[in-house]
Amino acid sequence: MKNQVAEKIFENWCKNGESAINHEGKRKAIEFVKKYRHEIMEELRNTDNHLAVLEELSWIGKITKYHLARNIGLDYAKPDRHLIRIAEQYGFKDVQAMCKYISEYYDERIGVVDVILWRYCNMTGNYKLDGTA
């Protein structure tokens, strides 16, 4: 889903609550997380396998778990098409390795590197970081 579409859904959800979510399964998943958010966060605090915990949640899949992890403050990058292309172009084994390398070089969080690279690609449509198209 494009960020611009997600922003509209989120705005509608902020105004209208769960009724803004038309998909019954996704709406129930949101209600579940709202109800058990403290228990879920406690489980995340007590494990090193954050991604496994997140993937157990309804409607959270193999890619979305990274996005959710980053958005709740865990240090992961989301391996979306933009970052996958950059990682491949520069010879990294995967998006996590690339963002970790850059994060260590610049002393910045992996999630921050992810957002900067993604935003650049999303705004410019360019996957080359050397200024060429």
C-alpha atoms as a PDB file:
ATOM      1  CA  MET A   1       0.000   0.000   0.000  1.00  0.00           C
ATOM      2  CA  LYS A   2       1.304   3.421  -0.872  1.00  0.00           C
ATOM      3  CA  ASN A   3       2.041   5.753   2.005  1.00  0.00           C
ATOM      4  CA  GLN A   4      -0.353   8.339   0.618  1.00  0.00           C
ATOM      5  CA  VAL A   5      -3.224   5.801   0.717  1.00  0.00           C
ATOM      6  CA  ALA A   6      -2.308   4.691   4.236  1.00  0.00           C
ATOM      7  CA  GLU A   7      -2.331   8.316   5.418  1.00  0.00           C
ATOM      8  CA  LYS A   8      -5.917   8.782   4.196  1.00  0.00           C
ATOM      9  CA  ILE A   9      -7.031   5.580   5.921  1.00  0.00           C
ATOM     10  CA  PHE A  10      -5.279   6.632   9.121  1.00  0.00           C
ATOM     11  CA  GLU A  11      -6.926  10.083   9.062  1.00  0.00           C
ATOM     12  CA  ASN A  12     -10.320   8.438   8.601  1.00  0.00           C
ATOM     13  CA  TRP A  13      -9.556   6.021  11.450  1.00  0.00           C
ATOM     14  CA  CYS A  14      -8.569   8.905  13.745  1.00  0.00           C
ATOM     15  CA  LYS A  15     -11.933  10.585  13.055  1.00  0.00           C
ATOM     16  CA  ASN A  16     -14.178   7.510  13.028  1.00  0.00           C
ATOM     17  CA  GLY A  17     -12.370   4.804  15.001  1.00  0.00           C
ATOM     18  CA  GLU A  18     -12.521   1.138  14.032  1.00  0.00           C
ATOM     19  CA  SER A  19     -15.673   1.694  11.942  1.00  0.00           C
ATOM     20  CA  ALA A  20     -13.379   3.323   9.353  1.00  0.00           C
ATOM     21  CA  ILE A  21     -11.827  -0.092   8.696  1.00  0.00           C
ATOM     22  CA  ASN A  22     -14.139  -1.899   6.273  1.00  0.00           C
ATOM     23  CA  HIS A  23     -12.318  -5.236   6.359  1.00  0.00           C
ATOM     24  CA  GLU A  24     -13.805  -7.220   9.249  1.00  0.00           C
ATOM     25  CA  GLY A  25     -10.689  -9.327   9.873  1.00  0.00           C
ATOM     26  CA  LYS A  26      -8.389  -6.320   9.972  1.00  0.00           C
ATOM     27  CA  ARG A  27     -10.819  -4.411  12.176  1.00  0.00           C
ATOM     28  CA  LYS A  28     -10.912  -7.321  14.656  1.00  0.00           C
ATOM     29  CA  ALA A  29      -7.102  -7.505  14.596  1.00  0.00           C
ATOM     30  CA  ILE A  30      -6.893  -3.802  15.487  1.00  0.00           C
ATOM     31  CA  GLU A  31      -9.395  -4.269  18.300  1.00  0.00           C
ATOM     32  CA  PHE A  32      -7.358  -7.234  19.603  1.00  0.00           C
ATOM     33  CA  VAL A  33      -4.123  -5.249  19.631  1.00  0.00           C
ATOM     34  CA  LYS A  34      -5.805  -2.301  21.349  1.00  0.00           C
ATOM     35  CA  LYS A  35      -7.150  -4.630  24.037  1.00  0.00           C
ATOM     36  CA  TYR A  36      -3.920  -6.605  24.580  1.00  0.00           C
ATOM     37  CA  ARG A  37      -1.298  -3.987  23.691  1.00  0.00           C
ATOM     38  CA  HIS A  38       0.298  -4.041  27.148  1.00  0.00           C
ATOM     39  CA  GLU A  39       0.688  -7.831  27.081  1.00  0.00           C
ATOM     40  CA  ILE A  40       2.072  -7.726  23.533  1.00  0.00           C
ATOM     41  CA  MET A  41       4.612  -5.060  24.481  1.00  0.00           C
ATOM     42  CA  GLU A  42       5.616  -7.038  27.574  1.00  0.00           C
ATOM     43  CA  GLU A  43       6.179 -10.111  25.407  1.00  0.00           C
ATOM     44  CA  LEU A  44       8.327  -8.012  23.051  1.00  0.00           C
ATOM     45  CA  ARG A  45      10.381  -6.714  25.995  1.00  0.00           C
ATOM     46  CA  ASN A  46      11.038 -10.261  27.196  1.00  0.00           C
ATOM     47  CA  THR A  47      12.259 -11.781  23.947  1.00  0.00           C
ATOM     48  CA  ASP A  48      15.084 -11.382  21.478  1.00  0.00           C
ATOM     49  CA  ASN A  49      12.857 -12.687  18.678  1.00  0.00           C
ATOM     50  CA  HIS A  50      10.707  -9.598  18.143  1.00  0.00           C
ATOM     51  CA  LEU A  51       9.839 -10.474  14.575  1.00  0.00           C
ATOM     52  CA  ALA A  52       8.360 -13.857  15.544  1.00  0.00           C
ATOM     53  CA  VAL A  53       6.118 -12.194  18.138  1.00  0.00           C
ATOM     54  CA  LEU A  54       4.904  -9.606  15.634  1.00  0.00           C
ATOM     55  CA  GLU A  55       4.290 -12.160  12.893  1.00  0.00           C
ATOM     56  CA  GLU A  56       1.954 -14.057  15.247  1.00  0.00           C
ATOM     57  CA  LEU A  57      -0.448 -11.100  15.152  1.00  0.00           C
ATOM     58  CA  SER A  58      -3.348 -11.380  12.716  1.00  0.00           C
ATOM     59  CA  TRP A  59      -2.794  -9.674   9.357  1.00  0.00           C
ATOM     60  CA  ILE A  60       0.913  -9.119  10.003  1.00  0.00           C
ATOM     61  CA  GLY A  61       2.974 -10.911   7.388  1.00  0.00           C
ATOM     62  CA  LYS A  62       6.567 -11.546   6.429  1.00  0.00           C
ATOM     63  CA  ILE A  63       7.230  -7.957   5.279  1.00  0.00           C
ATOM     64  CA  THR A  64       4.768  -6.047   7.455  1.00  0.00           C
ATOM     65  CA  LYS A  65       6.411  -7.381  10.628  1.00  0.00           C
ATOM     66  CA  TYR A  66       9.521  -5.330   9.775  1.00  0.00           C
ATOM     67  CA  HIS A  67       7.469  -2.216   9.121  1.00  0.00           C
ATOM     68  CA  LEU A  68       5.572  -2.632  12.396  1.00  0.00           C
ATOM     69  CA  ALA A  69       8.797  -3.347  14.298  1.00  0.00           C
ATOM     70  CA  ARG A  70      10.372  -0.155  12.975  1.00  0.00           C
ATOM     71  CA  ASN A  71       7.274   1.890  13.712  1.00  0.00           C
ATOM     72  CA  ILE A  72       7.127   0.786  17.361  1.00  0.00           C
ATOM     73  CA  GLY A  73      10.784   1.645  17.916  1.00  0.00           C
ATOM     74  CA  LEU A  74      12.569  -1.653  17.279  1.00  0.00           C
ATOM     75  CA  ASP A  75      15.659  -1.278  15.111  1.00  0.00           C
ATOM     76  CA  TYR A  76      14.709  -2.966  11.847  1.00  0.00           C
ATOM     77  CA  ALA A  77      14.418  -1.912   8.233  1.00  0.00           C
ATOM     78  CA  LYS A  78      11.435  -2.836   6.085  1.00  0.00           C
ATOM     79  CA  PRO A  79      12.582  -4.818   3.043  1.00  0.00           C
ATOM     80  CA  ASP A  80      10.276  -3.124   0.546  1.00  0.00           C
ATOM     81  CA  ARG A  81      10.908  -2.897  -3.187  1.00  0.00           C
ATOM     82  CA  HIS A  82      12.803   0.389  -2.910  1.00  0.00           C
ATOM     83  CA  LEU A  83      15.316  -0.813  -0.338  1.00  0.00           C
ATOM     84  CA  ILE A  84      15.660  -4.255  -1.940  1.00  0.00           C
ATOM     85  CA  ARG A  85      16.695  -2.589  -5.225  1.00  0.00           C
ATOM     86  CA  ILE A  86      19.248  -0.389  -3.477  1.00  0.00           C
ATOM     87  CA  ALA A  87      20.693  -3.319  -1.488  1.00  0.00           C
ATOM     88  CA  GLU A  88      21.024  -5.410  -4.663  1.00  0.00           C
ATOM     89  CA  GLN A  89      22.546  -2.508  -6.604  1.00  0.00           C
ATOM     90  CA  TYR A  90      25.266  -2.016  -4.002  1.00  0.00           C
ATOM     91  CA  GLY A  91      25.960  -5.715  -3.389  1.00  0.00           C
ATOM     92  CA  PHE A  92      24.498  -6.199   0.091  1.00  0.00           C
ATOM     93  CA  LYS A  93      23.086  -9.623   0.996  1.00  0.00           C
ATOM     94  CA  ASP A  94      19.823  -8.017   2.160  1.00  0.00           C
ATOM     95  CA  VAL A  95      18.178  -4.812   3.336  1.00  0.00           C
ATOM     96  CA  GLN A  96      18.977  -5.436   7.014  1.00  0.00           C
ATOM     97  CA  ALA A  97      22.694  -5.791   6.269  1.00  0.00           C
ATOM     98  CA  MET A  98      22.716  -2.634   4.141  1.00  0.00           C
ATOM     99  CA  CYS A  99      20.858  -0.500   6.685  1.00  0.00           C
ATOM    100  CA  LYS A 100      22.983  -1.867   9.540  1.00  0.00           C
ATOM    101  CA  TYR A 101      26.177  -0.977   7.641  1.00  0.00           C
ATOM    102  CA  ILE A 102      24.969   2.565   6.937  1.00  0.00           C
ATOM    103  CA  SER A 103      23.644   2.984  10.486  1.00  0.00           C
ATOM    104  CA  GLU A 104      27.023   2.037  11.971  1.00  0.00           C
ATOM    105  CA  TYR A 105      28.901   4.309   9.558  1.00  0.00           C
ATOM    106  CA  TYR A 106      26.737   7.330  10.430  1.00  0.00           C
ATOM    107  CA  ASP A 107      26.022   6.330  14.047  1.00  0.00           C
ATOM    108  CA  GLU A 108      22.284   6.373  13.393  1.00  0.00           C
ATOM    109  CA  ARG A 109      19.467   3.912  14.036  1.00  0.00           C
ATOM    110  CA  ILE A 110      18.639   1.326  11.365  1.00  0.00           C
ATOM    111  CA  GLY A 111      15.039   2.550  11.304  1.00  0.00           C
ATOM    112  CA  VAL A 112      16.174   6.100  10.545  1.00  0.00           C
ATOM    113  CA  VAL A 113      18.359   4.894   7.659  1.00  0.00           C
ATOM    114  CA  ASP A 114      15.394   2.888   6.345  1.00  0.00           C
ATOM    115  CA  VAL A 115      13.050   5.886   6.378  1.00  0.00           C
ATOM    116  CA  ILE A 116      15.580   8.220   4.730  1.00  0.00           C
ATOM    117  CA  LEU A 117      16.347   5.791   1.902  1.00  0.00           C
ATOM    118  CA  TRP A 118      12.696   4.875   1.400  1.00  0.00           C
ATOM    119  CA  ARG A 119      11.590   8.506   1.378  1.00  0.00           C
ATOM    120  CA  TYR A 120      14.259   9.432  -1.169  1.00  0.00           C
ATOM    121  CA  CYS A 121      13.121   6.649  -3.497  1.00  0.00           C
ATOM    122  CA  ASN A 122       9.444   7.358  -2.929  1.00  0.00           C
ATOM    123  CA  MET A 123       9.803  11.058  -3.652  1.00  0.00           C
ATOM    124  CA  THR A 124      12.249  10.867  -6.583  1.00  0.00           C
ATOM    125  CA  GLY A 125      11.500   7.475  -8.132  1.00  0.00           C
ATOM    126  CA  ASN A 126      15.276   7.018  -8.232  1.00  0.00           C
ATOM    127  CA  TYR A 127      17.072   3.944  -6.846  1.00  0.00           C
ATOM    128  CA  LYS A 128      20.580   5.145  -7.551  1.00  0.00           C
ATOM    129  CA  LEU A 129      22.172   7.011  -4.686  1.00  0.00           C
ATOM    130  CA  ASP A 130      24.951   8.519  -6.757  1.00  0.00           C
ATOM    131  CA  GLY A 131      22.749  11.229  -8.267  1.00  0.00           C
ATOM    132  CA  THR A 132      22.219   9.539 -11.639  1.00  0.00           C
ATOM    133  CA  ALA A 133      18.842   8.325 -12.855  1.00  0.00           C
END
